[in-house]
Amino acid sequence: MAFVSVAQVSEIPPGQMKPFTIGGKPLLIVNYAGTYYAIGGKCTHMGGDLSRGKLEGKVVQCPRHGSRFDVTTGLAISGPRFGPLKLKTANEARYEVRVQGDEIQVDV
């Protein structure tokens, strides 16, 4: 594993997220309360682009079917709902993040 620079700290202010593709992997970098986190960028349910979803605190919601993920851990909080049906969704991959100077780096 190797850390790769993906952005400057100023590019992702607190409460914001930004998508990246590193080595063919779609990632979502989130600044939650001043700490950076990285999870898989495509929903594990049907591949929705999480960067187009809604970020509330440390939870991102997929724009396609509403699956919700904790950006600090990658854990699936809830899967999509279709009427009374609640489907399960797999957890997102989580990647280590560090800040070196002004650069955000992700271990891929």
PDB file of N, CA and C in Angstrom:
ATOM      1  N   MET A   1       0.835  -1.175   0.000  1.00  0.00           N
ATOM      2  CA  MET A   1       0.000   0.000   0.000  1.00  0.00           C
ATOM      3  C   MET A   1       0.883   1.242   0.000  1.00  0.00           C
ATOM      4  N   ALA A   2       0.401   2.269  -0.691  1.00  0.00           N
ATOM      5  CA  ALA A   2       1.154   3.513  -0.785  1.00  0.00           C
ATOM      6  C   ALA A   2       0.205   4.690  -0.703  1.00  0.00           C
ATOM      7  N   PHE A   3       0.631   5.736  -0.011  1.00  0.00           N
ATOM      8  CA  PHE A   3      -0.166   6.952   0.066  1.00  0.00           C
ATOM      9  C   PHE A   3       0.001   7.753  -1.220  1.00  0.00           C
ATOM     10  N   VAL A   4      -1.124   8.265  -1.731  1.00  0.00           N
ATOM     11  CA  VAL A   4      -1.159   9.044  -2.958  1.00  0.00           C
ATOM     12  C   VAL A   4      -1.796  10.389  -2.635  1.00  0.00           C
ATOM     13  N   SER A   5      -1.180  11.473  -3.079  1.00  0.00           N
ATOM     14  CA  SER A   5      -1.759  12.804  -2.891  1.00  0.00           C
ATOM     15  C   SER A   5      -2.965  12.959  -3.804  1.00  0.00           C
ATOM     16  N   VAL A   6      -4.082  13.423  -3.230  1.00  0.00           N
ATOM     17  CA  VAL A   6      -5.303  13.564  -4.021  1.00  0.00           C
ATOM     18  C   VAL A   6      -5.818  14.994  -4.091  1.00  0.00           C
ATOM     19  N   ALA A   7      -5.492  15.810  -3.095  1.00  0.00           N
ATOM     20  CA  ALA A   7      -6.039  17.168  -3.075  1.00  0.00           C
ATOM     21  C   ALA A   7      -5.283  18.018  -2.074  1.00  0.00           C
ATOM     22  N   GLN A   8      -5.513  19.309  -2.166  1.00  0.00           N
ATOM     23  CA  GLN A   8      -5.024  20.254  -1.168  1.00  0.00           C
ATOM     24  C   GLN A   8      -6.096  20.379  -0.085  1.00  0.00           C
ATOM     25  N   VAL A   9      -5.676  20.636   1.122  1.00  0.00           N
ATOM     26  CA  VAL A   9      -6.598  20.782   2.246  1.00  0.00           C
ATOM     27  C   VAL A   9      -7.679  21.821   1.926  1.00  0.00           C
ATOM     28  N   SER A  10      -7.302  22.896   1.268  1.00  0.00           N
ATOM     29  CA  SER A  10      -8.249  23.974   0.962  1.00  0.00           C
ATOM     30  C   SER A  10      -9.351  23.560  -0.012  1.00  0.00           C
ATOM     31  N   GLU A  11      -9.166  22.451  -0.727  1.00  0.00           N
ATOM     32  CA  GLU A  11     -10.151  22.010  -1.716  1.00  0.00           C
ATOM     33  C   GLU A  11     -11.374  21.337  -1.103  1.00  0.00           C
ATOM     34  N   ILE A  12     -11.234  20.855   0.143  1.00  0.00           N
ATOM     35  CA  ILE A  12     -12.352  20.141   0.771  1.00  0.00           C
ATOM     36  C   ILE A  12     -12.568  20.713   2.175  1.00  0.00           C
ATOM     37  N   PRO A  13     -13.360  21.779   2.288  1.00  0.00           N
ATOM     38  CA  PRO A  13     -13.612  22.380   3.601  1.00  0.00           C
ATOM     39  C   PRO A  13     -14.493  21.477   4.471  1.00  0.00           C
ATOM     40  N   PRO A  14     -14.553  21.753   5.776  1.00  0.00           N
ATOM     41  CA  PRO A  14     -15.404  20.947   6.663  1.00  0.00           C
ATOM     42  C   PRO A  14     -16.843  20.876   6.163  1.00  0.00           C
ATOM     43  N   GLY A  15     -17.406  19.683   6.255  1.00  0.00           N
ATOM     44  CA  GLY A  15     -18.781  19.458   5.813  1.00  0.00           C
ATOM     45  C   GLY A  15     -18.929  19.252   4.325  1.00  0.00           C
ATOM     46  N   GLN A  16     -17.802  19.114   3.610  1.00  0.00           N
ATOM     47  CA  GLN A  16     -17.836  18.928   2.159  1.00  0.00           C
ATOM     48  C   GLN A  16     -17.224  17.593   1.770  1.00  0.00           C
ATOM     49  N   MET A  17     -17.471  17.175   0.535  1.00  0.00           N
ATOM     50  CA  MET A  17     -16.917  15.928   0.013  1.00  0.00           C
ATOM     51  C   MET A  17     -16.505  16.150  -1.432  1.00  0.00           C
ATOM     52  N   LYS A  18     -15.618  15.284  -1.904  1.00  0.00           N
ATOM     53  CA  LYS A  18     -15.137  15.406  -3.281  1.00  0.00           C
ATOM     54  C   LYS A  18     -14.766  14.016  -3.796  1.00  0.00           C
ATOM     55  N   PRO A  19     -15.159  13.696  -5.040  1.00  0.00           N
ATOM     56  CA  PRO A  19     -14.823  12.390  -5.607  1.00  0.00           C
ATOM     57  C   PRO A  19     -13.448  12.387  -6.264  1.00  0.00           C
ATOM     58  N   PHE A  20     -12.809  11.229  -6.256  1.00  0.00           N
ATOM     59  CA  PHE A  20     -11.533  11.012  -6.926  1.00  0.00           C
ATOM     60  C   PHE A  20     -11.516   9.597  -7.468  1.00  0.00           C
ATOM     61  N   THR A  21     -10.727   9.376  -8.498  1.00  0.00           N
ATOM     62  CA  THR A  21     -10.474   8.020  -8.983  1.00  0.00           C
ATOM     63  C   THR A  21      -8.976   7.797  -8.887  1.00  0.00           C
ATOM     64  N   ILE A  22      -8.598   6.779  -8.140  1.00  0.00           N
ATOM     65  CA  ILE A  22      -7.186   6.468  -7.952  1.00  0.00           C
ATOM     66  C   ILE A  22      -6.973   5.010  -8.318  1.00  0.00           C
ATOM     67  N   GLY A  23      -6.099   4.766  -9.281  1.00  0.00           N
ATOM     68  CA  GLY A  23      -5.839   3.400  -9.718  1.00  0.00           C
ATOM     69  C   GLY A  23      -7.093   2.688 -10.177  1.00  0.00           C
ATOM     70  N   GLY A  24      -8.018   3.420 -10.787  1.00  0.00           N
ATOM     71  CA  GLY A  24      -9.259   2.836 -11.262  1.00  0.00           C
ATOM     72  C   GLY A  24     -10.329   2.684 -10.192  1.00  0.00           C
ATOM     73  N   LYS A  25     -10.012   3.057  -8.948  1.00  0.00           N
ATOM     74  CA  LYS A  25     -10.981   2.945  -7.853  1.00  0.00           C
ATOM     75  C   LYS A  25     -11.656   4.289  -7.613  1.00  0.00           C
ATOM     76  N   PRO A  26     -12.993   4.326  -7.680  1.00  0.00           N
ATOM     77  CA  PRO A  26     -13.688   5.567  -7.336  1.00  0.00           C
ATOM     78  C   PRO A  26     -13.714   5.732  -5.812  1.00  0.00           C
ATOM     79  N   LEU A  27     -13.255   6.886  -5.348  1.00  0.00           N
ATOM     80  CA  LEU A  27     -13.215   7.177  -3.918  1.00  0.00           C
ATOM     81  C   LEU A  27     -13.991   8.445  -3.622  1.00  0.00           C
ATOM     82  N   LEU A  28     -14.446   8.554  -2.392  1.00  0.00           N
ATOM     83  CA  LEU A  28     -15.095   9.757  -1.910  1.00  0.00           C
ATOM     84  C   LEU A  28     -14.306  10.227  -0.698  1.00  0.00           C
ATOM     85  N   ILE A  29     -13.767  11.456  -0.773  1.00  0.00           N
ATOM     86  CA  ILE A  29     -13.045  12.042   0.338  1.00  0.00           C
ATOM     87  C   ILE A  29     -13.991  13.021   1.017  1.00  0.00           C
ATOM     88  N   VAL A  30     -14.112  12.909   2.340  1.00  0.00           N
ATOM     89  CA  VAL A  30     -15.029  13.745   3.108  1.00  0.00           C
ATOM     90  C   VAL A  30     -14.261  14.426   4.233  1.00  0.00           C
ATOM     91  N   ASN A  31     -14.562  15.700   4.437  1.00  0.00           N
ATOM     92  CA  ASN A  31     -14.029  16.425   5.580  1.00  0.00           C
ATOM     93  C   ASN A  31     -15.149  16.506   6.595  1.00  0.00           C
ATOM     94  N   TYR A  32     -15.059  15.680   7.625  1.00  0.00           N
ATOM     95  CA  TYR A  32     -16.061  15.674   8.683  1.00  0.00           C
ATOM     96  C   TYR A  32     -15.410  16.228   9.944  1.00  0.00           C
ATOM     97  N   ALA A  33     -15.886  17.377  10.374  1.00  0.00           N
ATOM     98  CA  ALA A  33     -15.415  18.031  11.600  1.00  0.00           C
ATOM     99  C   ALA A  33     -13.904  18.251  11.592  1.00  0.00           C
ATOM    100  N   GLY A  34     -13.357  18.573  10.416  1.00  0.00           N
ATOM    101  CA  GLY A  34     -11.939  18.876  10.315  1.00  0.00           C
ATOM    102  C   GLY A  34     -11.023  17.685  10.122  1.00  0.00           C
ATOM    103  N   THR A  35     -11.585  16.492  10.059  1.00  0.00           N
ATOM    104  CA  THR A  35     -10.808  15.275   9.815  1.00  0.00           C
ATOM    105  C   THR A  35     -11.243  14.697   8.475  1.00  0.00           C
ATOM    106  N   TYR A  36     -10.277  14.223   7.717  1.00  0.00           N
ATOM    107  CA  TYR A  36     -10.560  13.682   6.377  1.00  0.00           C
ATOM    108  C   TYR A  36     -10.739  12.166   6.430  1.00  0.00           C
ATOM    109  N   TYR A  37     -11.726  11.691   5.671  1.00  0.00           N
ATOM    110  CA  TYR A  37     -12.031  10.267   5.580  1.00  0.00           C
ATOM    111  C   TYR A  37     -12.191   9.899   4.110  1.00  0.00           C
ATOM    112  N   ALA A  38     -11.886   8.657   3.777  1.00  0.00           N
ATOM    113  CA  ALA A  38     -12.054   8.181   2.400  1.00  0.00           C
ATOM    114  C   ALA A  38     -12.782   6.842   2.410  1.00  0.00           C
ATOM    115  N   ILE A  39     -13.825   6.750   1.596  1.00  0.00           N
ATOM    116  CA  ILE A  39     -14.560   5.495   1.417  1.00  0.00           C
ATOM    117  C   ILE A  39     -14.743   5.273  -0.082  1.00  0.00           C
ATOM    118  N   GLY A  40     -15.242   4.095  -0.433  1.00  0.00           N
ATOM    119  CA  GLY A  40     -15.557   3.821  -1.827  1.00  0.00           C
ATOM    120  C   GLY A  40     -16.552   4.847  -2.337  1.00  0.00           C
ATOM    121  N   GLY A  41     -16.416   5.240  -3.587  1.00  0.00           N
ATOM    122  CA  GLY A  41     -17.245   6.304  -4.136  1.00  0.00           C
ATOM    123  C   GLY A  41     -18.509   5.856  -4.839  1.00  0.00           C
ATOM    124  N   LYS A  42     -18.686   4.543  -5.004  1.00  0.00           N
ATOM    125  CA  LYS A  42     -19.889   4.013  -5.656  1.00  0.00           C
ATOM    126  C   LYS A  42     -20.694   3.214  -4.640  1.00  0.00           C
ATOM    127  N   CYS A  43     -21.978   3.434  -4.621  1.00  0.00           N
ATOM    128  CA  CYS A  43     -22.854   2.729  -3.684  1.00  0.00           C
ATOM    129  C   CYS A  43     -22.756   1.225  -3.901  1.00  0.00           C
ATOM    130  N   THR A  44     -22.703   0.485  -2.816  1.00  0.00           N
ATOM    131  CA  THR A  44     -22.590  -0.971  -2.895  1.00  0.00           C
ATOM    132  C   THR A  44     -23.913  -1.630  -3.301  1.00  0.00           C
ATOM    133  N   HIS A  45     -24.991  -0.870  -3.331  1.00  0.00           N
ATOM    134  CA  HIS A  45     -26.273  -1.439  -3.740  1.00  0.00           C
ATOM    135  C   HIS A  45     -26.338  -1.581  -5.258  1.00  0.00           C
ATOM    136  N   MET A  46     -26.250  -0.452  -5.989  1.00  0.00           N
ATOM    137  CA  MET A  46     -26.316  -0.523  -7.450  1.00  0.00           C
ATOM    138  C   MET A  46     -25.380   0.478  -8.121  1.00  0.00           C
ATOM    139  N   GLY A  47     -24.333   0.875  -7.427  1.00  0.00           N
ATOM    140  CA  GLY A  47     -23.298   1.689  -8.043  1.00  0.00           C
ATOM    141  C   GLY A  47     -23.583   3.164  -8.197  1.00  0.00           C
ATOM    142  N   GLY A  48     -24.530   3.693  -7.446  1.00  0.00           N
ATOM    143  CA  GLY A  48     -24.807   5.126  -7.516  1.00  0.00           C
ATOM    144  C   GLY A  48     -23.582   5.942  -7.102  1.00  0.00           C
ATOM    145  N   ASP A  49     -23.422   7.104  -7.690  1.00  0.00           N
ATOM    146  CA  ASP A  49     -22.295   7.990  -7.409  1.00  0.00           C
ATOM    147  C   ASP A  49     -22.542   8.719  -6.091  1.00  0.00           C
ATOM    148  N   LEU A  50     -21.826   8.322  -5.040  1.00  0.00           N
ATOM    149  CA  LEU A  50     -22.049   8.902  -3.723  1.00  0.00           C
ATOM    150  C   LEU A  50     -21.709  10.385  -3.664  1.00  0.00           C
ATOM    151  N   SER A  51     -20.829  10.851  -4.539  1.00  0.00           N
ATOM    152  CA  SER A  51     -20.488  12.274  -4.520  1.00  0.00           C
ATOM    153  C   SER A  51     -21.664  13.154  -4.929  1.00  0.00           C
ATOM    154  N   ARG A  52     -22.665  12.562  -5.560  1.00  0.00           N
ATOM    155  CA  ARG A  52     -23.873  13.293  -5.944  1.00  0.00           C
ATOM    156  C   ARG A  52     -24.964  13.150  -4.886  1.00  0.00           C
ATOM    157  N   GLY A  53     -24.625  12.426  -3.808  1.00  0.00           N
ATOM    158  CA  GLY A  53     -25.580  12.214  -2.735  1.00  0.00           C
ATOM    159  C   GLY A  53     -25.599  13.358  -1.742  1.00  0.00           C
ATOM    160  N   LYS A  54     -26.344  13.155  -0.689  1.00  0.00           N
ATOM    161  CA  LYS A  54     -26.521  14.173   0.338  1.00  0.00           C
ATOM    162  C   LYS A  54     -25.655  13.808   1.547  1.00  0.00           C
ATOM    163  N   LEU A  55     -24.839  14.765   1.997  1.00  0.00           N
ATOM    164  CA  LEU A  55     -23.999  14.572   3.166  1.00  0.00           C
ATOM    165  C   LEU A  55     -24.626  15.302   4.340  1.00  0.00           C
ATOM    166  N   GLU A  56     -24.945  14.547   5.393  1.00  0.00           N
ATOM    167  CA  GLU A  56     -25.485  15.120   6.623  1.00  0.00           C
ATOM    168  C   GLU A  56     -24.618  14.641   7.763  1.00  0.00           C
ATOM    169  N   GLY A  57     -23.801  15.549   8.299  1.00  0.00           N
ATOM    170  CA  GLY A  57     -22.872  15.154   9.354  1.00  0.00           C
ATOM    171  C   GLY A  57     -21.881  14.154   8.808  1.00  0.00           C
ATOM    172  N   LYS A  58     -21.858  12.963   9.397  1.00  0.00           N
ATOM    173  CA  LYS A  58     -20.928  11.937   8.932  1.00  0.00           C
ATOM    174  C   LYS A  58     -21.616  10.841   8.114  1.00  0.00           C
ATOM    175  N   VAL A  59     -22.811  11.139   7.615  1.00  0.00           N
ATOM    176  CA  VAL A  59     -23.573  10.155   6.840  1.00  0.00           C
ATOM    177  C   VAL A  59     -23.821  10.688   5.429  1.00  0.00           C
ATOM    178  N   VAL A  60     -23.467   9.851   4.436  1.00  0.00           N
ATOM    179  CA  VAL A  60     -23.761  10.199   3.044  1.00  0.00           C
ATOM    180  C   VAL A  60     -24.871   9.264   2.557  1.00  0.00           C
ATOM    181  N   GLN A  61     -25.826   9.857   1.839  1.00  0.00           N
ATOM    182  CA  GLN A  61     -26.954   9.092   1.308  1.00  0.00           C
ATOM    183  C   GLN A  61     -26.834   9.007  -0.200  1.00  0.00           C
ATOM    184  N   CYS A  62     -26.952   7.802  -0.728  1.00  0.00           N
ATOM    185  CA  CYS A  62     -26.883   7.580  -2.172  1.00  0.00           C
ATOM    186  C   CYS A  62     -28.062   8.272  -2.855  1.00  0.00           C
ATOM    187  N   PRO A  63     -27.791   8.979  -3.960  1.00  0.00           N
ATOM    188  CA  PRO A  63     -28.880   9.677  -4.642  1.00  0.00           C
ATOM    189  C   PRO A  63     -29.828   8.756  -5.413  1.00  0.00           C
ATOM    190  N   ARG A  64     -29.421   7.527  -5.661  1.00  0.00           N
ATOM    191  CA  ARG A  64     -30.264   6.639  -6.481  1.00  0.00           C
ATOM    192  C   ARG A  64     -31.387   5.989  -5.683  1.00  0.00           C
ATOM    193  N   HIS A  65     -31.040   5.285  -4.608  1.00  0.00           N
ATOM    194  CA  HIS A  65     -32.061   4.537  -3.882  1.00  0.00           C
ATOM    195  C   HIS A  65     -32.031   4.768  -2.376  1.00  0.00           C
ATOM    196  N   GLY A  66     -31.181   5.698  -1.923  1.00  0.00           N
ATOM    197  CA  GLY A  66     -31.229   6.106  -0.524  1.00  0.00           C
ATOM    198  C   GLY A  66     -30.393   5.322   0.464  1.00  0.00           C
ATOM    199  N   SER A  67     -29.533   4.414   0.018  1.00  0.00           N
ATOM    200  CA  SER A  67     -28.653   3.730   0.966  1.00  0.00           C
ATOM    201  C   SER A  67     -27.823   4.772   1.691  1.00  0.00           C
ATOM    202  N   ARG A  68     -27.524   4.511   2.970  1.00  0.00           N
ATOM    203  CA  ARG A  68     -26.791   5.475   3.790  1.00  0.00           C
ATOM    204  C   ARG A  68     -25.547   4.821   4.377  1.00  0.00           C
ATOM    205  N   PHE A  69     -24.429   5.606   4.367  1.00  0.00           N
ATOM    206  CA  PHE A  69     -23.143   5.099   4.826  1.00  0.00           C
ATOM    207  C   PHE A  69     -22.484   6.079   5.791  1.00  0.00           C
ATOM    208  N   ASP A  70     -21.836   5.532   6.823  1.00  0.00           N
ATOM    209  CA  ASP A  70     -21.040   6.327   7.757  1.00  0.00           C
ATOM    210  C   ASP A  70     -19.689   6.573   7.086  1.00  0.00           C
ATOM    211  N   VAL A  71     -19.359   7.824   6.806  1.00  0.00           N
ATOM    212  CA  VAL A  71     -18.123   8.112   6.076  1.00  0.00           C
ATOM    213  C   VAL A  71     -16.879   7.904   6.936  1.00  0.00           C
ATOM    214  N   THR A  72     -17.024   7.825   8.260  1.00  0.00           N
ATOM    215  CA  THR A  72     -15.864   7.628   9.125  1.00  0.00           C
ATOM    216  C   THR A  72     -15.454   6.170   9.219  1.00  0.00           C
ATOM    217  N   THR A  73     -16.374   5.266   8.907  1.00  0.00           N
ATOM    218  CA  THR A  73     -16.094   3.834   9.032  1.00  0.00           C
ATOM    219  C   THR A  73     -16.369   3.037   7.759  1.00  0.00           C
ATOM    220  N   GLY A  74     -17.193   3.578   6.877  1.00  0.00           N
ATOM    221  CA  GLY A  74     -17.618   2.862   5.682  1.00  0.00           C
ATOM    222  C   GLY A  74     -18.807   1.945   5.929  1.00  0.00           C
ATOM    223  N   LEU A  75     -19.274   1.866   7.161  1.00  0.00           N
ATOM    224  CA  LEU A  75     -20.379   0.965   7.482  1.00  0.00           C
ATOM    225  C   LEU A  75     -21.691   1.418   6.850  1.00  0.00           C
ATOM    226  N   ALA A  76     -22.435   0.451   6.318  1.00  0.00           N
ATOM    227  CA  ALA A  76     -23.758   0.727   5.767  1.00  0.00           C
ATOM    228  C   ALA A  76     -24.722   0.902   6.934  1.00  0.00           C
ATOM    229  N   ILE A  77     -25.340   2.055   7.021  1.00  0.00           N
ATOM    230  CA  ILE A  77     -26.298   2.329   8.089  1.00  0.00           C
ATOM    231  C   ILE A  77     -27.665   1.790   7.710  1.00  0.00           C
ATOM    232  N   SER A  78     -28.025   1.982   6.443  1.00  0.00           N
ATOM    233  CA  SER A  78     -29.294   1.446   5.961  1.00  0.00           C
ATOM    234  C   SER A  78     -29.220   1.263   4.450  1.00  0.00           C
ATOM    235  N   GLY A  79     -29.969   0.286   3.991  1.00  0.00           N
ATOM    236  CA  GLY A  79     -30.047   0.026   2.562  1.00  0.00           C
ATOM    237  C   GLY A  79     -31.225   0.750   1.960  1.00  0.00           C
ATOM    238  N   PRO A  80     -31.482   0.506   0.694  1.00  0.00           N
ATOM    239  CA  PRO A  80     -32.597   1.175   0.034  1.00  0.00           C
ATOM    240  C   PRO A  80     -33.937   0.673   0.558  1.00  0.00           C
ATOM    241  N   ARG A  81     -34.927   1.537   0.420  1.00  0.00           N
ATOM    242  CA  ARG A  81     -36.284   1.174   0.820  1.00  0.00           C
ATOM    243  C   ARG A  81     -37.185   1.298  -0.389  1.00  0.00           C
ATOM    244  N   PHE A  82     -37.974   0.270  -0.607  1.00  0.00           N
ATOM    245  CA  PHE A  82     -38.971   0.275  -1.674  1.00  0.00           C
ATOM    246  C   PHE A  82     -40.301  -0.060  -1.009  1.00  0.00           C
ATOM    247  N   GLY A  83     -41.062   0.983  -0.709  1.00  0.00           N
ATOM    248  CA  GLY A  83     -42.299   0.770   0.027  1.00  0.00           C
ATOM    249  C   GLY A  83     -41.972   0.177   1.385  1.00  0.00           C
ATOM    250  N   PRO A  84     -42.614  -0.953   1.726  1.00  0.00           N
ATOM    251  CA  PRO A  84     -42.344  -1.562   3.028  1.00  0.00           C
ATOM    252  C   PRO A  84     -41.062  -2.424   3.039  1.00  0.00           C
ATOM    253  N   LEU A  85     -40.447  -2.628   1.877  1.00  0.00           N
ATOM    254  CA  LEU A  85     -39.244  -3.459   1.798  1.00  0.00           C
ATOM    255  C   LEU A  85     -37.995  -2.660   2.176  1.00  0.00           C
ATOM    256  N   LYS A  86     -37.176  -3.242   3.041  1.00  0.00           N
ATOM    257  CA  LYS A  86     -35.895  -2.657   3.401  1.00  0.00           C
ATOM    258  C   LYS A  86     -34.814  -3.645   2.980  1.00  0.00           C
ATOM    259  N   LEU A  87     -33.980  -3.251   2.024  1.00  0.00           N
ATOM    260  CA  LEU A  87     -32.947  -4.134   1.509  1.00  0.00           C
ATOM    261  C   LEU A  87     -31.622  -3.878   2.214  1.00  0.00           C
ATOM    262  N   LYS A  88     -30.813  -4.930   2.324  1.00  0.00           N
ATOM    263  CA  LYS A  88     -29.498  -4.785   2.932  1.00  0.00           C
ATOM    264  C   LYS A  88     -28.507  -4.272   1.894  1.00  0.00           C
ATOM    265  N   THR A  89     -27.505  -3.566   2.371  1.00  0.00           N
ATOM    266  CA  THR A  89     -26.450  -3.032   1.527  1.00  0.00           C
ATOM    267  C   THR A  89     -25.126  -3.355   2.191  1.00  0.00           C
ATOM    268  N   ALA A  90     -24.138  -3.718   1.392  1.00  0.00           N
ATOM    269  CA  ALA A  90     -22.804  -4.028   1.929  1.00  0.00           C
ATOM    270  C   ALA A  90     -22.096  -2.752   2.361  1.00  0.00           C
ATOM    271  N   ASN A  91     -21.142  -2.902   3.259  1.00  0.00           N
ATOM    272  CA  ASN A  91     -20.335  -1.775   3.708  1.00  0.00           C
ATOM    273  C   ASN A  91     -19.463  -1.265   2.573  1.00  0.00           C
ATOM    274  N   GLU A  92     -19.076  -0.006   2.659  1.00  0.00           N
ATOM    275  CA  GLU A  92     -18.135   0.599   1.713  1.00  0.00           C
ATOM    276  C   GLU A  92     -16.709   0.279   2.172  1.00  0.00           C
ATOM    277  N   ALA A  93     -15.803   0.180   1.221  1.00  0.00           N
ATOM    278  CA  ALA A  93     -14.383   0.065   1.566  1.00  0.00           C
ATOM    279  C   ALA A  93     -13.970   1.376   2.231  1.00  0.00           C
ATOM    280  N   ARG A  94     -13.073   1.284   3.194  1.00  0.00           N
ATOM    281  CA  ARG A  94     -12.563   2.473   3.879  1.00  0.00           C
ATOM    282  C   ARG A  94     -11.063   2.527   3.658  1.00  0.00           C
ATOM    283  N   TYR A  95     -10.544   3.708   3.425  1.00  0.00           N
ATOM    284  CA  TYR A  95      -9.120   3.890   3.148  1.00  0.00           C
ATOM    285  C   TYR A  95      -8.512   4.854   4.163  1.00  0.00           C
ATOM    286  N   GLU A  96      -7.268   4.585   4.548  1.00  0.00           N
ATOM    287  CA  GLU A  96      -6.567   5.459   5.480  1.00  0.00           C
ATOM    288  C   GLU A  96      -6.248   6.777   4.795  1.00  0.00           C
ATOM    289  N   VAL A  97      -6.371   7.867   5.542  1.00  0.00           N
ATOM    290  CA  VAL A  97      -6.090   9.202   5.029  1.00  0.00           C
ATOM    291  C   VAL A  97      -5.117   9.879   5.982  1.00  0.00           C
ATOM    292  N   ARG A  98      -4.195  10.648   5.404  1.00  0.00           N
ATOM    293  CA  ARG A  98      -3.305  11.469   6.227  1.00  0.00           C
ATOM    294  C   ARG A  98      -3.122  12.815   5.535  1.00  0.00           C
ATOM    295  N   VAL A  99      -2.729  13.794   6.328  1.00  0.00           N
ATOM    296  CA  VAL A  99      -2.434  15.119   5.794  1.00  0.00           C
ATOM    297  C   VAL A  99      -0.950  15.357   5.982  1.00  0.00           C
ATOM    298  N   GLN A 100      -0.274  15.652   4.888  1.00  0.00           N
ATOM    299  CA  GLN A 100       1.146  15.978   4.896  1.00  0.00           C
ATOM    300  C   GLN A 100       1.292  17.408   4.392  1.00  0.00           C
ATOM    301  N   GLY A 101       1.608  18.327   5.296  1.00  0.00           N
ATOM    302  CA  GLY A 101       1.626  19.735   4.910  1.00  0.00           C
ATOM    303  C   GLY A 101       0.237  20.169   4.520  1.00  0.00           C
ATOM    304  N   ASP A 102       0.055  20.589   3.274  1.00  0.00           N
ATOM    305  CA  ASP A 102      -1.260  21.000   2.769  1.00  0.00           C
ATOM    306  C   ASP A 102      -1.897  19.936   1.881  1.00  0.00           C
ATOM    307  N   GLU A 103      -1.271  18.766   1.784  1.00  0.00           N
ATOM    308  CA  GLU A 103      -1.786  17.723   0.894  1.00  0.00           C
ATOM    309  C   GLU A 103      -2.565  16.650   1.655  1.00  0.00           C
ATOM    310  N   ILE A 104      -3.717  16.280   1.081  1.00  0.00           N
ATOM    311  CA  ILE A 104      -4.497  15.148   1.582  1.00  0.00           C
ATOM    312  C   ILE A 104      -3.998  13.928   0.820  1.00  0.00           C
ATOM    313  N   GLN A 105      -3.624  12.891   1.547  1.00  0.00           N
ATOM    314  CA  GLN A 105      -3.107  11.669   0.929  1.00  0.00           C
ATOM    315  C   GLN A 105      -3.948  10.473   1.371  1.00  0.00           C
ATOM    316  N   VAL A 106      -4.173   9.572   0.435  1.00  0.00           N
ATOM    317  CA  VAL A 106      -4.973   8.368   0.694  1.00  0.00           C
ATOM    318  C   VAL A 106      -4.120   7.144   0.428  1.00  0.00           C
ATOM    319  N   ASP A 107      -4.223   6.160   1.316  1.00  0.00           N
ATOM    320  CA  ASP A 107      -3.507   4.896   1.168  1.00  0.00           C
ATOM    321  C   ASP A 107      -4.364   3.935   0.351  1.00  0.00           C
ATOM    322  N   VAL A 108      -3.962   3.761  -0.911  1.00  0.00           N
ATOM    323  CA  VAL A 108      -4.711   2.851  -1.788  1.00  0.00           C
ATOM    324  C   VAL A 108      -3.882   1.620  -2.072  1.00  0.00           C
TER     325      VAL A 108
END
